PDB file of N, CA and C in Angstrom:
ATOM      1  N   MET A   1       4.383  11.071 -31.807  1.00  0.00           N
ATOM      2  CA  MET A   1       4.383  10.351 -30.696  1.00  0.00           C
ATOM      3  C   MET A   1       5.669   9.930 -30.192  1.00  0.00           C
ATOM      4  N   ILE A   2       5.808  10.103 -28.929  1.00  0.00           N
ATOM      5  CA  ILE A   2       7.089   9.310 -28.531  1.00  0.00           C
ATOM      6  C   ILE A   2       6.931   7.434 -28.457  1.00  0.00           C
ATOM      7  N   PRO A   3       7.308   6.530 -28.967  1.00  0.00           N
ATOM      8  CA  PRO A   3       7.348   5.087 -28.120  1.00  0.00           C
ATOM      9  C   PRO A   3       7.654   4.875 -26.882  1.00  0.00           C
ATOM     10  N   LEU A   4       6.952   3.992 -26.108  1.00  0.00           N
ATOM     11  CA  LEU A   4       7.002   3.757 -24.742  1.00  0.00           C
ATOM     12  C   LEU A   4       7.039   2.007 -24.577  1.00  0.00           C
ATOM     13  N   TYR A   5       8.224   1.656 -24.254  1.00  0.00           N
ATOM     14  CA  TYR A   5       8.915   0.503 -24.017  1.00  0.00           C
ATOM     15  C   TYR A   5       8.779   0.126 -22.654  1.00  0.00           C
ATOM     16  N   CYS A   6       8.610  -1.492 -22.153  1.00  0.00           N
ATOM     17  CA  CYS A   6       8.743  -1.793 -20.907  1.00  0.00           C
ATOM     18  C   CYS A   6      10.155  -2.581 -20.738  1.00  0.00           C
ATOM     19  N   LYS A   7      10.978  -2.258 -19.773  1.00  0.00           N
ATOM     20  CA  LYS A   7      11.835  -3.125 -19.582  1.00  0.00           C
ATOM     21  C   LYS A   7      11.925  -4.034 -18.482  1.00  0.00           C
ATOM     22  N   THR A   8      11.684  -5.388 -19.553  1.00  0.00           N
ATOM     23  CA  THR A   8      11.171  -6.758 -18.938  1.00  0.00           C
ATOM     24  C   THR A   8      12.951  -7.522 -18.767  1.00  0.00           C
ATOM     25  N   ALA A   9      12.943  -8.256 -18.078  1.00  0.00           N
ATOM     26  CA  ALA A   9      14.392  -9.212 -18.429  1.00  0.00           C
ATOM     27  C   ALA A   9      15.024  -9.536 -19.965  1.00  0.00           C
ATOM     28  N   ASP A  10      13.841  -9.411 -20.772  1.00  0.00           N
ATOM     29  CA  ASP A  10      14.620  -9.540 -21.743  1.00  0.00           C
ATOM     30  C   ASP A  10      14.421  -8.596 -23.183  1.00  0.00           C
ATOM     31  N   PHE A  11      14.677  -7.012 -22.413  1.00  0.00           N
ATOM     32  CA  PHE A  11      14.721  -5.979 -23.092  1.00  0.00           C
ATOM     33  C   PHE A  11      15.547  -6.036 -23.726  1.00  0.00           C
ATOM     34  N   GLU A  12      15.488  -5.070 -24.854  1.00  0.00           N
ATOM     35  CA  GLU A  12      16.513  -4.841 -25.466  1.00  0.00           C
ATOM     36  C   GLU A  12      16.474  -3.240 -26.158  1.00  0.00           C
ATOM     37  N   GLU A  13      18.016  -2.737 -26.494  1.00  0.00           N
ATOM     38  CA  GLU A  13      17.644  -1.244 -27.177  1.00  0.00           C
ATOM     39  C   GLU A  13      17.208  -1.292 -28.194  1.00  0.00           C
ATOM     40  N   PRO A  14      15.415  -0.641 -28.338  1.00  0.00           N
ATOM     41  CA  PRO A  14      15.127  -0.496 -29.648  1.00  0.00           C
ATOM     42  C   PRO A  14      15.192   0.798 -30.740  1.00  0.00           C
ATOM     43  N   PRO A  15      15.477   0.425 -31.934  1.00  0.00           N
ATOM     44  CA  PRO A  15      16.166   1.377 -32.833  1.00  0.00           C
ATOM     45  C   PRO A  15      15.916   2.829 -33.066  1.00  0.00           C
ATOM     46  N   GLU A  16      14.822   3.114 -31.695  1.00  0.00           N
ATOM     47  CA  GLU A  16      14.212   4.766 -32.742  1.00  0.00           C
ATOM     48  C   GLU A  16      15.251   5.441 -31.542  1.00  0.00           C
ATOM     49  N   ALA A  17      15.609   6.798 -31.692  1.00  0.00           N
ATOM     50  CA  ALA A  17      16.757   7.621 -30.989  1.00  0.00           C
ATOM     51  C   ALA A  17      15.809   8.528 -29.884  1.00  0.00           C
ATOM     52  N   MET A  18      14.900   8.231 -30.249  1.00  0.00           N
ATOM     53  CA  MET A  18      13.949   8.786 -28.760  1.00  0.00           C
ATOM     54  C   MET A  18      12.827   7.822 -28.083  1.00  0.00           C
ATOM     55  N   TYR A  19      12.929   7.523 -27.370  1.00  0.00           N
ATOM     56  CA  TYR A  19      11.585   6.709 -26.352  1.00  0.00           C
ATOM     57  C   TYR A  19      11.714   6.923 -25.314  1.00  0.00           C
ATOM     58  N   HIS A  20      10.119   6.751 -24.634  1.00  0.00           N
ATOM     59  CA  HIS A  20       9.919   6.269 -23.464  1.00  0.00           C
ATOM     60  C   HIS A  20      10.199   5.073 -23.242  1.00  0.00           C
ATOM     61  N   LEU A  21      10.277   4.845 -21.402  1.00  0.00           N
ATOM     62  CA  LEU A  21      11.141   3.400 -20.985  1.00  0.00           C
ATOM     63  C   LEU A  21      10.549   3.287 -19.259  1.00  0.00           C
ATOM     64  N   LEU A  22       9.875   2.411 -19.570  1.00  0.00           N
ATOM     65  CA  LEU A  22       8.659   2.475 -18.015  1.00  0.00           C
ATOM     66  C   LEU A  22       9.538   0.798 -17.453  1.00  0.00           C
ATOM     67  N   THR A  23      10.080   1.051 -16.065  1.00  0.00           N
ATOM     68  CA  THR A  23      10.773   0.394 -15.273  1.00  0.00           C
ATOM     69  C   THR A  23      10.023   0.409 -14.496  1.00  0.00           C
ATOM     70  N   ARG A  24      10.653  -1.067 -13.044  1.00  0.00           N
ATOM     71  CA  ARG A  24      10.573  -0.813 -12.021  1.00  0.00           C
ATOM     72  C   ARG A  24      10.382   0.699 -10.792  1.00  0.00           C
ATOM     73  N   ASP A  25      11.353   1.149 -11.443  1.00  0.00           N
ATOM     74  CA  ASP A  25      11.796   2.588 -11.037  1.00  0.00           C
ATOM     75  C   ASP A  25      11.136   3.826 -11.542  1.00  0.00           C
ATOM     76  N   GLY A  26      10.424   3.901 -12.606  1.00  0.00           N
ATOM     77  CA  GLY A  26       9.970   4.651 -12.928  1.00  0.00           C
ATOM     78  C   GLY A  26      10.173   4.943 -14.562  1.00  0.00           C
ATOM     79  N   LEU A  27       9.637   5.952 -14.790  1.00  0.00           N
ATOM     80  CA  LEU A  27       9.010   6.379 -16.189  1.00  0.00           C
ATOM     81  C   LEU A  27      10.590   7.031 -16.447  1.00  0.00           C
ATOM     82  N   PHE A  28      10.968   6.792 -17.892  1.00  0.00           N
ATOM     83  CA  PHE A  28      12.031   7.673 -17.736  1.00  0.00           C
ATOM     84  C   PHE A  28      12.377   7.952 -19.705  1.00  0.00           C
ATOM     85  N   ARG A  29      12.519   9.006 -19.777  1.00  0.00           N
ATOM     86  CA  ARG A  29      13.002   9.266 -21.586  1.00  0.00           C
ATOM     87  C   ARG A  29      14.618   9.124 -22.061  1.00  0.00           C
ATOM     88  N   VAL A  30      14.223   7.876 -22.669  1.00  0.00           N
ATOM     89  CA  VAL A  30      15.634   7.792 -23.406  1.00  0.00           C
ATOM     90  C   VAL A  30      16.095   8.635 -24.480  1.00  0.00           C
ATOM     91  N   LEU A  31      17.080   9.273 -24.890  1.00  0.00           N
ATOM     92  CA  LEU A  31      17.465  10.668 -25.929  1.00  0.00           C
ATOM     93  C   LEU A  31      19.017   9.804 -26.187  1.00  0.00           C
ATOM     94  N   ARG A  32      19.058   9.178 -27.541  1.00  0.00           N
ATOM     95  CA  ARG A  32      20.459   8.878 -28.055  1.00  0.00           C
ATOM     96  C   ARG A  32      21.261   9.613 -29.356  1.00  0.00           C
ATOM     97  N   THR A  33      22.072  10.140 -29.440  1.00  0.00           N
ATOM     98  CA  THR A  33      22.453  11.102 -30.299  1.00  0.00           C
ATOM     99  C   THR A  33      24.340  10.386 -30.719  1.00  0.00           C
ATOM    100  N   GLY A  34      24.618  11.038 -31.758  1.00  0.00           N
ATOM    101  CA  GLY A  34      26.242  10.114 -31.989  1.00  0.00           C
ATOM    102  C   GLY A  34      27.108  10.561 -31.292  1.00  0.00           C
ATOM    103  N   LEU A  35      27.035  11.666 -30.257  1.00  0.00           N
ATOM    104  CA  LEU A  35      27.351  12.206 -29.625  1.00  0.00           C
ATOM    105  C   LEU A  35      27.050  11.506 -27.654  1.00  0.00           C
ATOM    106  N   PHE A  36      25.998  11.412 -27.682  1.00  0.00           N
ATOM    107  CA  PHE A  36      25.756  10.976 -26.002  1.00  0.00           C
ATOM    108  C   PHE A  36      24.258   9.933 -26.070  1.00  0.00           C
ATOM    109  N   THR A  37      24.238   9.318 -24.633  1.00  0.00           N
ATOM    110  CA  THR A  37      22.872   9.203 -24.701  1.00  0.00           C
ATOM    111  C   THR A  37      22.569   9.339 -23.496  1.00  0.00           C
ATOM    112  N   ALA A  38      21.467  10.026 -23.306  1.00  0.00           N
ATOM    113  CA  ALA A  38      20.943  10.223 -22.012  1.00  0.00           C
ATOM    114  C   ALA A  38      19.560   9.707 -22.055  1.00  0.00           C
ATOM    115  N   VAL A  39      19.515   9.201 -20.314  1.00  0.00           N
ATOM    116  CA  VAL A  39      18.448   8.886 -19.746  1.00  0.00           C
ATOM    117  C   VAL A  39      17.944   9.504 -18.394  1.00  0.00           C
ATOM    118  N   LEU A  40      16.753  10.314 -18.720  1.00  0.00           N
ATOM    119  CA  LEU A  40      15.842  10.971 -17.847  1.00  0.00           C
ATOM    120  C   LEU A  40      15.029  10.466 -17.308  1.00  0.00           C
ATOM    121  N   SER A  41      14.853  10.822 -16.244  1.00  0.00           N
ATOM    122  CA  SER A  41      13.393  10.656 -15.353  1.00  0.00           C
ATOM    123  C   SER A  41      12.625  11.649 -15.360  1.00  0.00           C
ATOM    124  N   VAL A  42      11.253  11.021 -15.904  1.00  0.00           N
ATOM    125  CA  VAL A  42      10.046  12.283 -16.211  1.00  0.00           C
ATOM    126  C   VAL A  42       8.901  11.906 -15.771  1.00  0.00           C
ATOM    127  N   GLU A  43       7.989  13.112 -15.130  1.00  0.00           N
ATOM    128  CA  GLU A  43       7.218  12.616 -14.578  1.00  0.00           C
ATOM    129  C   GLU A  43       5.818  12.411 -15.392  1.00  0.00           C
ATOM    130  N   GLY A  44       5.624  11.951 -16.595  1.00  0.00           N
ATOM    131  CA  GLY A  44       5.036  11.350 -17.608  1.00  0.00           C
ATOM    132  C   GLY A  44       4.898  11.999 -18.598  1.00  0.00           C
ATOM    133  N   VAL A  45       4.288  11.387 -19.548  1.00  0.00           N
ATOM    134  CA  VAL A  45       4.037  11.153 -21.284  1.00  0.00           C
ATOM    135  C   VAL A  45       3.130  12.248 -21.559  1.00  0.00           C
ATOM    136  N   PRO A  46       3.886  13.366 -22.027  1.00  0.00           N
ATOM    137  CA  PRO A  46       2.818  14.308 -22.426  1.00  0.00           C
ATOM    138  C   PRO A  46       1.693  13.976 -23.716  1.00  0.00           C
ATOM    139  N   ASP A  47       1.799  13.192 -24.225  1.00  0.00           N
ATOM    140  CA  ASP A  47       0.516  13.154 -25.211  1.00  0.00           C
ATOM    141  C   ASP A  47      -0.368  12.377 -24.618  1.00  0.00           C
ATOM    142  N   LEU A  48      -0.345  11.672 -23.302  1.00  0.00           N
ATOM    143  CA  LEU A  48      -1.557  11.237 -22.961  1.00  0.00           C
ATOM    144  C   LEU A  48      -2.299  11.915 -21.769  1.00  0.00           C
ATOM    145  N   GLU A  49      -3.231  11.427 -21.390  1.00  0.00           N
ATOM    146  CA  GLU A  49      -4.117  12.269 -20.451  1.00  0.00           C
ATOM    147  C   GLU A  49      -3.625  11.824 -19.294  1.00  0.00           C
ATOM    148  N   SER A  50      -3.988  12.617 -17.994  1.00  0.00           N
ATOM    149  CA  SER A  50      -3.833  12.167 -16.599  1.00  0.00           C
ATOM    150  C   SER A  50      -4.533  11.652 -16.668  1.00  0.00           C
ATOM    151  N   GLN A  51      -4.015  11.023 -15.005  1.00  0.00           N
ATOM    152  CA  GLN A  51      -4.601   9.780 -13.737  1.00  0.00           C
ATOM    153  C   GLN A  51      -3.892   9.999 -12.600  1.00  0.00           C
ATOM    154  N   LYS A  52      -5.404  10.426 -12.276  1.00  0.00           N
ATOM    155  CA  LYS A  52      -4.639  10.863 -10.344  1.00  0.00           C
ATOM    156  C   LYS A  52      -5.076   9.140  -9.949  1.00  0.00           C
ATOM    157  N   SER A  53      -4.409   8.942  -8.809  1.00  0.00           N
ATOM    158  CA  SER A  53      -4.630   7.455  -7.752  1.00  0.00           C
ATOM    159  C   SER A  53      -6.277   7.878  -6.974  1.00  0.00           C
ATOM    160  N   GLY A  54      -6.524   6.604  -6.738  1.00  0.00           N
ATOM    161  CA  GLY A  54      -7.499   6.462  -6.376  1.00  0.00           C
ATOM    162  C   GLY A  54      -8.021   5.142  -5.724  1.00  0.00           C
ATOM    163  N   LEU A  55      -9.168   4.933  -4.933  1.00  0.00           N
ATOM    164  CA  LEU A  55      -9.323   3.822  -4.578  1.00  0.00           C
ATOM    165  C   LEU A  55     -11.347   4.315  -4.093  1.00  0.00           C
ATOM    166  N   GLN A  56     -12.232   3.432  -4.859  1.00  0.00           N
ATOM    167  CA  GLN A  56     -13.246   3.029  -4.716  1.00  0.00           C
ATOM    168  C   GLN A  56     -13.636   1.877  -4.388  1.00  0.00           C
ATOM    169  N   LEU A  57     -14.593   2.063  -2.694  1.00  0.00           N
ATOM    170  CA  LEU A  57     -14.855   0.556  -2.314  1.00  0.00           C
ATOM    171  C   LEU A  57     -15.922  -0.127  -2.961  1.00  0.00           C
ATOM    172  N   GLY A  58     -16.074  -1.185  -2.931  1.00  0.00           N
ATOM    173  CA  GLY A  58     -17.179  -2.209  -3.455  1.00  0.00           C
ATOM    174  C   GLY A  58     -18.172  -2.793  -2.147  1.00  0.00           C
ATOM    175  N   PHE A  59     -18.402  -2.087  -1.515  1.00  0.00           N
ATOM    176  CA  PHE A  59     -19.069  -2.318   0.241  1.00  0.00           C
ATOM    177  C   PHE A  59     -19.166  -1.208   0.473  1.00  0.00           C
ATOM    178  N   PRO A  60     -20.652  -1.523   1.541  1.00  0.00           N
ATOM    179  CA  PRO A  60     -21.386  -0.043   2.195  1.00  0.00           C
ATOM    180  C   PRO A  60     -20.094   0.150   3.096  1.00  0.00           C
ATOM    181  N   ARG A  61     -20.747   1.046   3.911  1.00  0.00           N
ATOM    182  CA  ARG A  61     -20.035   1.763   5.172  1.00  0.00           C
ATOM    183  C   ARG A  61     -20.349   0.479   6.034  1.00  0.00           C
ATOM    184  N   VAL A  62     -19.037   0.320   6.918  1.00  0.00           N
ATOM    185  CA  VAL A  62     -19.033  -0.347   8.415  1.00  0.00           C
ATOM    186  C   VAL A  62     -20.128   0.727   9.341  1.00  0.00           C
ATOM    187  N   PRO A  63     -20.787  -0.302   9.706  1.00  0.00           N
ATOM    188  CA  PRO A  63     -22.162   0.399  10.730  1.00  0.00           C
ATOM    189  C   PRO A  63     -21.012   1.160  11.520  1.00  0.00           C
ATOM    190  N   ARG A  64     -21.785   2.006  12.184  1.00  0.00           N
ATOM    191  CA  ARG A  64     -21.363   2.818  13.440  1.00  0.00           C
ATOM    192  C   ARG A  64     -21.434   2.064  14.636  1.00  0.00           C
ATOM    193  N   LYS A  65     -22.533   1.408  14.727  1.00  0.00           N
ATOM    194  CA  LYS A  65     -22.002   0.252  16.077  1.00  0.00           C
ATOM    195  C   LYS A  65     -21.074  -1.084  16.845  1.00  0.00           C
ATOM    196  N   LEU A  66     -21.066  -1.350  15.150  1.00  0.00           N
ATOM    197  CA  LEU A  66     -20.087  -2.131  14.736  1.00  0.00           C
ATOM    198  C   LEU A  66     -18.751  -1.839  15.020  1.00  0.00           C
ATOM    199  N   MET A  67     -18.182  -0.566  14.694  1.00  0.00           N
ATOM    200  CA  MET A  67     -17.400   0.373  14.742  1.00  0.00           C
ATOM    201  C   MET A  67     -16.896   0.725  16.205  1.00  0.00           C
ATOM    202  N   GLU A  68     -17.736   0.960  16.388  1.00  0.00           N
ATOM    203  CA  GLU A  68     -17.909   1.291  18.019  1.00  0.00           C
ATOM    204  C   GLU A  68     -17.518   0.540  18.865  1.00  0.00           C
ATOM    205  N   SER A  69     -17.724  -1.225  18.512  1.00  0.00           N
ATOM    206  CA  SER A  69     -17.543  -1.892  19.316  1.00  0.00           C
ATOM    207  C   SER A  69     -16.440  -2.611  19.115  1.00  0.00           C
ATOM    208  N   VAL A  70     -15.542  -2.587  18.111  1.00  0.00           N
ATOM    209  CA  VAL A  70     -14.095  -2.605  17.648  1.00  0.00           C
ATOM    210  C   VAL A  70     -13.351  -1.358  18.552  1.00  0.00           C
ATOM    211  N   TYR A  71     -13.785  -0.278  18.421  1.00  0.00           N
ATOM    212  CA  TYR A  71     -13.136   0.933  19.033  1.00  0.00           C
ATOM    213  C   TYR A  71     -13.016   0.482  20.238  1.00  0.00           C
ATOM    214  N   GLY A  72     -14.115   0.199  20.786  1.00  0.00           N
ATOM    215  CA  GLY A  72     -14.112  -0.463  22.457  1.00  0.00           C
ATOM    216  C   GLY A  72     -13.301  -1.169  22.814  1.00  0.00           C
ATOM    217  N   PHE A  73     -12.800  -2.370  21.586  1.00  0.00           N
ATOM    218  CA  PHE A  73     -12.486  -3.157  21.892  1.00  0.00           C
ATOM    219  C   PHE A  73     -10.560  -2.788  22.122  1.00  0.00           C
ATOM    220  N   PHE A  74     -10.081  -2.284  21.123  1.00  0.00           N
ATOM    221  CA  PHE A  74      -9.295  -1.214  21.235  1.00  0.00           C
ATOM    222  C   PHE A  74      -8.406  -0.349  22.243  1.00  0.00           C
ATOM    223  N   GLN A  75      -9.509   0.282  23.043  1.00  0.00           N
ATOM    224  CA  GLN A  75      -9.223   1.139  23.936  1.00  0.00           C
ATOM    225  C   GLN A  75      -9.244   0.030  25.125  1.00  0.00           C
ATOM    226  N   ALA A  76      -9.977  -0.941  25.181  1.00  0.00           N
ATOM    227  CA  ALA A  76      -9.976  -1.683  26.609  1.00  0.00           C
ATOM    228  C   ALA A  76      -8.228  -2.350  26.736  1.00  0.00           C
ATOM    229  N   VAL A  77      -8.314  -2.962  25.323  1.00  0.00           N
ATOM    230  CA  VAL A  77      -7.025  -3.447  25.309  1.00  0.00           C
ATOM    231  C   VAL A  77      -5.456  -2.439  26.097  1.00  0.00           C
ATOM    232  N   PHE A  78      -5.325  -0.769  24.798  1.00  0.00           N
ATOM    233  CA  PHE A  78      -4.790  -0.449  25.375  1.00  0.00           C
ATOM    234  C   PHE A  78      -4.913   0.061  26.846  1.00  0.00           C
ATOM    235  N   ASP A  79      -6.073   0.603  27.662  1.00  0.00           N
ATOM    236  CA  ASP A  79      -6.072   0.996  28.672  1.00  0.00           C
ATOM    237  C   ASP A  79      -5.443  -0.349  30.000  1.00  0.00           C
ATOM    238  N   ARG A  80      -5.966  -1.537  29.301  1.00  0.00           N
ATOM    239  CA  ARG A  80      -4.916  -2.950  30.653  1.00  0.00           C
ATOM    240  C   ARG A  80      -3.820  -3.152  30.183  1.00  0.00           C
ATOM    241  N   TRP A  81      -3.212  -3.002  29.053  1.00  0.00           N
ATOM    242  CA  TRP A  81      -2.240  -3.741  28.639  1.00  0.00           C
ATOM    243  C   TRP A  81      -1.059  -2.698  28.076  1.00  0.00           C
ATOM    244  N   GLU A  82      -1.412  -1.647  27.519  1.00  0.00           N
ATOM    245  CA  GLU A  82      -0.449  -0.539  26.597  1.00  0.00           C
ATOM    246  C   GLU A  82      -0.461  -1.342  25.711  1.00  0.00           C
ATOM    247  N   ALA A  83      -1.191  -2.214  24.640  1.00  0.00           N
ATOM    248  CA  ALA A  83      -0.854  -2.764  23.720  1.00  0.00           C
ATOM    249  C   ALA A  83      -1.501  -2.661  22.394  1.00  0.00           C
ATOM    250  N   GLU A  84      -0.992  -2.951  21.408  1.00  0.00           N
ATOM    251  CA  GLU A  84      -2.181  -3.363  19.954  1.00  0.00           C
ATOM    252  C   GLU A  84      -2.866  -4.592  20.244  1.00  0.00           C
ATOM    253  N   ALA A  85      -3.820  -4.424  19.072  1.00  0.00           N
ATOM    254  CA  ALA A  85      -4.243  -5.986  19.424  1.00  0.00           C
ATOM    255  C   ALA A  85      -4.710  -5.595  17.925  1.00  0.00           C
ATOM    256  N   ILE A  86      -5.211  -7.085  17.140  1.00  0.00           N
ATOM    257  CA  ILE A  86      -5.736  -7.305  15.546  1.00  0.00           C
ATOM    258  C   ILE A  86      -7.344  -7.659  16.059  1.00  0.00           C
ATOM    259  N   VAL A  87      -7.833  -7.184  15.389  1.00  0.00           N
ATOM    260  CA  VAL A  87      -9.564  -7.746  14.477  1.00  0.00           C
ATOM    261  C   VAL A  87      -9.123  -7.649  13.443  1.00  0.00           C
ATOM    262  N   LEU A  88      -9.840  -8.880  12.926  1.00  0.00           N
ATOM    263  CA  LEU A  88     -10.327  -9.384  11.739  1.00  0.00           C
ATOM    264  C   LEU A  88     -11.489  -9.164  11.211  1.00  0.00           C
ATOM    265  N   LEU A  89     -12.033  -7.719  10.010  1.00  0.00           N
ATOM    266  CA  LEU A  89     -13.362  -7.625   9.702  1.00  0.00           C
ATOM    267  C   LEU A  89     -13.576  -7.866   8.164  1.00  0.00           C
ATOM    268  N   TYR A  90     -14.768  -8.844   8.323  1.00  0.00           N
ATOM    269  CA  TYR A  90     -15.028  -9.411   7.420  1.00  0.00           C
ATOM    270  C   TYR A  90     -16.480  -9.141   7.271  1.00  0.00           C
ATOM    271  N   TYR A  91     -16.775  -8.806   5.475  1.00  0.00           N
ATOM    272  CA  TYR A  91     -17.887  -8.806   4.282  1.00  0.00           C
ATOM    273  C   TYR A  91     -18.193  -9.459   3.608  1.00  0.00           C
ATOM    274  N   SER A  92     -19.385 -10.039   3.536  1.00  0.00           N
ATOM    275  CA  SER A  92     -20.134 -11.040   2.485  1.00  0.00           C
ATOM    276  C   SER A  92     -20.672 -10.146   1.683  1.00  0.00           C
ATOM    277  N   PRO A  93     -20.102  -9.971   0.643  1.00  0.00           N
ATOM    278  CA  PRO A  93     -21.161  -8.858  -0.756  1.00  0.00           C
ATOM    279  C   PRO A  93     -22.726  -9.687  -0.895  1.00  0.00           C
ATOM    280  N   GLU A  94     -22.814 -11.008  -1.224  1.00  0.00           N
ATOM    281  CA  GLU A  94     -23.617 -12.056  -1.274  1.00  0.00           C
ATOM    282  C   GLU A  94     -25.323 -11.736  -0.269  1.00  0.00           C
ATOM    283  N   GLN A  95     -24.780 -11.440   1.343  1.00  0.00           N
ATOM    284  CA  GLN A  95     -25.675 -11.245   2.452  1.00  0.00           C
ATOM    285  C   GLN A  95     -25.516  -9.712   2.769  1.00  0.00           C
ATOM    286  N   ARG A  96     -24.479  -8.995   2.578  1.00  0.00           N
ATOM    287  CA  ARG A  96     -24.465  -7.668   2.508  1.00  0.00           C
ATOM    288  C   ARG A  96     -24.605  -7.501   4.020  1.00  0.00           C
ATOM    289  N   ILE A  97     -23.238  -8.510   5.247  1.00  0.00           N
ATOM    290  CA  ILE A  97     -23.167  -8.210   6.001  1.00  0.00           C
ATOM    291  C   ILE A  97     -22.109  -8.137   6.372  1.00  0.00           C
ATOM    292  N   PHE A  98     -21.653  -7.490   7.371  1.00  0.00           N
ATOM    293  CA  PHE A  98     -20.110  -7.305   8.253  1.00  0.00           C
ATOM    294  C   PHE A  98     -19.890  -8.410   9.228  1.00  0.00           C
ATOM    295  N   ARG A  99     -18.854  -8.532   9.630  1.00  0.00           N
ATOM    296  CA  ARG A  99     -18.631 -10.148  10.932  1.00  0.00           C
ATOM    297  C   ARG A  99     -17.313  -9.250  11.480  1.00  0.00           C
ATOM    298  N   VAL A 100     -17.014  -9.689  12.650  1.00  0.00           N
ATOM    299  CA  VAL A 100     -16.005  -9.436  13.159  1.00  0.00           C
ATOM    300  C   VAL A 100     -15.198 -10.778  13.990  1.00  0.00           C
ATOM    301  N   ALA A 101     -13.826 -10.980  13.943  1.00  0.00           N
ATOM    302  CA  ALA A 101     -13.166 -12.027  14.522  1.00  0.00           C
ATOM    303  C   ALA A 101     -12.046 -11.444  15.094  1.00  0.00           C
ATOM    304  N   VAL A 102     -12.095 -11.732  16.915  1.00  0.00           N
ATOM    305  CA  VAL A 102     -10.546 -11.379  17.478  1.00  0.00           C
ATOM    306  C   VAL A 102     -10.092 -12.932  17.379  1.00  0.00           C
ATOM    307  N   PRO A 103      -8.773 -13.008  16.461  1.00  0.00           N
ATOM    308  CA  PRO A 103      -8.301 -14.370  16.492  1.00  0.00           C
ATOM    309  C   PRO A 103      -7.026 -14.326  18.052  1.00  0.00           C
ATOM    310  N   LYS A 104      -7.264 -15.549  18.763  1.00  0.00           N
ATOM    311  CA  LYS A 104      -5.528 -15.652  19.404  1.00  0.00           C
ATOM    312  C   LYS A 104      -4.698 -14.461  19.909  1.00  0.00           C
ATOM    313  N   GLN A 105      -3.930 -14.370  19.944  1.00  0.00           N
ATOM    314  CA  GLN A 105      -3.129 -13.299  19.829  1.00  0.00           C
ATOM    315  C   GLN A 105      -2.453 -12.890  21.195  1.00  0.00           C
ATOM    316  N   THR A 106      -1.041 -12.928  21.344  1.00  0.00           N
ATOM    317  CA  THR A 106       0.247 -13.106  22.063  1.00  0.00           C
ATOM    318  C   THR A 106       0.287 -11.433  22.581  1.00  0.00           C
ATOM    319  N   ILE A 107       1.024 -10.576  23.202  1.00  0.00           N
ATOM    320  CA  ILE A 107       1.514  -9.447  23.272  1.00  0.00           C
ATOM    321  C   ILE A 107       2.962  -9.598  24.420  1.00  0.00           C
ATOM    322  N   TYR A 108       3.472  -9.253  24.133  1.00  0.00           N
ATOM    323  CA  TYR A 108       5.002  -8.974  24.748  1.00  0.00           C
ATOM    324  C   TYR A 108       5.366  -8.057  25.595  1.00  0.00           C
ATOM    325  N   ARG A 109       5.410  -8.549  26.937  1.00  0.00           N
ATOM    326  CA  ARG A 109       5.541  -7.100  27.711  1.00  0.00           C
ATOM    327  C   ARG A 109       7.250  -7.812  28.468  1.00  0.00           C
ATOM    328  N   TYR A 110       7.988  -7.013  29.046  1.00  0.00           N
ATOM    329  CA  TYR A 110       9.370  -6.595  29.867  1.00  0.00           C
ATOM    330  C   TYR A 110       8.607  -5.857  30.959  1.00  0.00           C
ATOM    331  N   GLN A 111       9.736  -5.937  32.061  1.00  0.00           N
ATOM    332  CA  GLN A 111       9.873  -5.343  32.991  1.00  0.00           C
ATOM    333  C   GLN A 111      11.040  -4.796  33.546  1.00  0.00           C
ATOM    334  N   ASN A 112      11.379  -2.987  33.264  1.00  0.00           N
ATOM    335  CA  ASN A 112      11.820  -2.378  33.339  1.00  0.00           C
ATOM    336  C   ASN A 112      12.087  -1.605  35.116  1.00  0.00           C
ATOM    337  N   GLY A 113      13.364  -2.269  35.602  1.00  0.00           N
ATOM    338  CA  GLY A 113      13.068  -1.616  36.876  1.00  0.00           C
ATOM    339  C   GLY A 113      11.761  -2.330  37.752  1.00  0.00           C
ATOM    340  N   SER A 114      11.099  -1.308  37.921  1.00  0.00           N
ATOM    341  CA  SER A 114       9.263  -1.269  38.489  1.00  0.00           C
ATOM    342  C   SER A 114       8.142  -1.266  37.625  1.00  0.00           C
ATOM    343  N   ARG A 115       8.936  -0.718  36.384  1.00  0.00           N
ATOM    344  CA  ARG A 115       7.374  -0.511  35.138  1.00  0.00           C
ATOM    345  C   ARG A 115       7.502  -1.269  34.358  1.00  0.00           C
ATOM    346  N   TRP A 116       6.554  -1.724  33.868  1.00  0.00           N
ATOM    347  CA  TRP A 116       5.860  -2.796  32.540  1.00  0.00           C
ATOM    348  C   TRP A 116       5.398  -2.103  31.375  1.00  0.00           C
ATOM    349  N   HIS A 117       6.485  -2.482  30.497  1.00  0.00           N
ATOM    350  CA  HIS A 117       6.584  -2.040  29.045  1.00  0.00           C
ATOM    351  C   HIS A 117       5.858  -2.882  28.097  1.00  0.00           C
ATOM    352  N   THR A 118       5.490  -2.784  27.068  1.00  0.00           N
ATOM    353  CA  THR A 118       4.789  -3.116  26.015  1.00  0.00           C
ATOM    354  C   THR A 118       5.200  -3.045  24.665  1.00  0.00           C
ATOM    355  N   GLU A 119       5.613  -4.366  24.196  1.00  0.00           N
ATOM    356  CA  GLU A 119       6.488  -4.176  22.731  1.00  0.00           C
ATOM    357  C   GLU A 119       5.692  -3.729  21.885  1.00  0.00           C
ATOM    358  N   GLY A 120       5.668  -2.963  20.604  1.00  0.00           N
ATOM    359  CA  GLY A 120       4.750  -2.224  19.743  1.00  0.00           C
ATOM    360  C   GLY A 120       4.451  -3.645  18.434  1.00  0.00           C
ATOM    361  N   ARG A 121       4.377  -5.041  18.931  1.00  0.00           N
ATOM    362  CA  ARG A 121       4.144  -6.072  18.382  1.00  0.00           C
ATOM    363  C   ARG A 121       3.186  -6.914  18.802  1.00  0.00           C
ATOM    364  N   VAL A 122       2.320  -7.330  18.188  1.00  0.00           N
ATOM    365  CA  VAL A 122       1.567  -8.660  18.526  1.00  0.00           C
ATOM    366  C   VAL A 122       1.507  -9.552  17.285  1.00  0.00           C
ATOM    367  N   SER A 123       1.198 -10.718  18.109  1.00  0.00           N
ATOM    368  CA  SER A 123       1.266 -12.008  17.195  1.00  0.00           C
ATOM    369  C   SER A 123      -0.167 -12.993  17.684  1.00  0.00           C
TER     370      SER A 123
END
């Protein structure tokens, strides 16, 4: 098995002629001989099992009626101002309920000729 090292601020070159190096930029295989040192980007470590990225949520589906009201809010904001908006969705694991909050927010509009335009930001 080829050893694996993490490149931290205090990293020092290990004695092995071949090793894997985990860095901020990804995984590399380092091979040193008397003639050269090669540092090669690799897609994985052959001796290890594979793992896929994923996400498993720890809460139930957001109720349809609640999502429809959030969508309706976004649609109303867009229809009136052609703007984006912010909605905060809260979930209480103890009570197993969702809540929605709409904070005070500001959109930014400007007039170009006779037409109003909305910037793609909200605060």
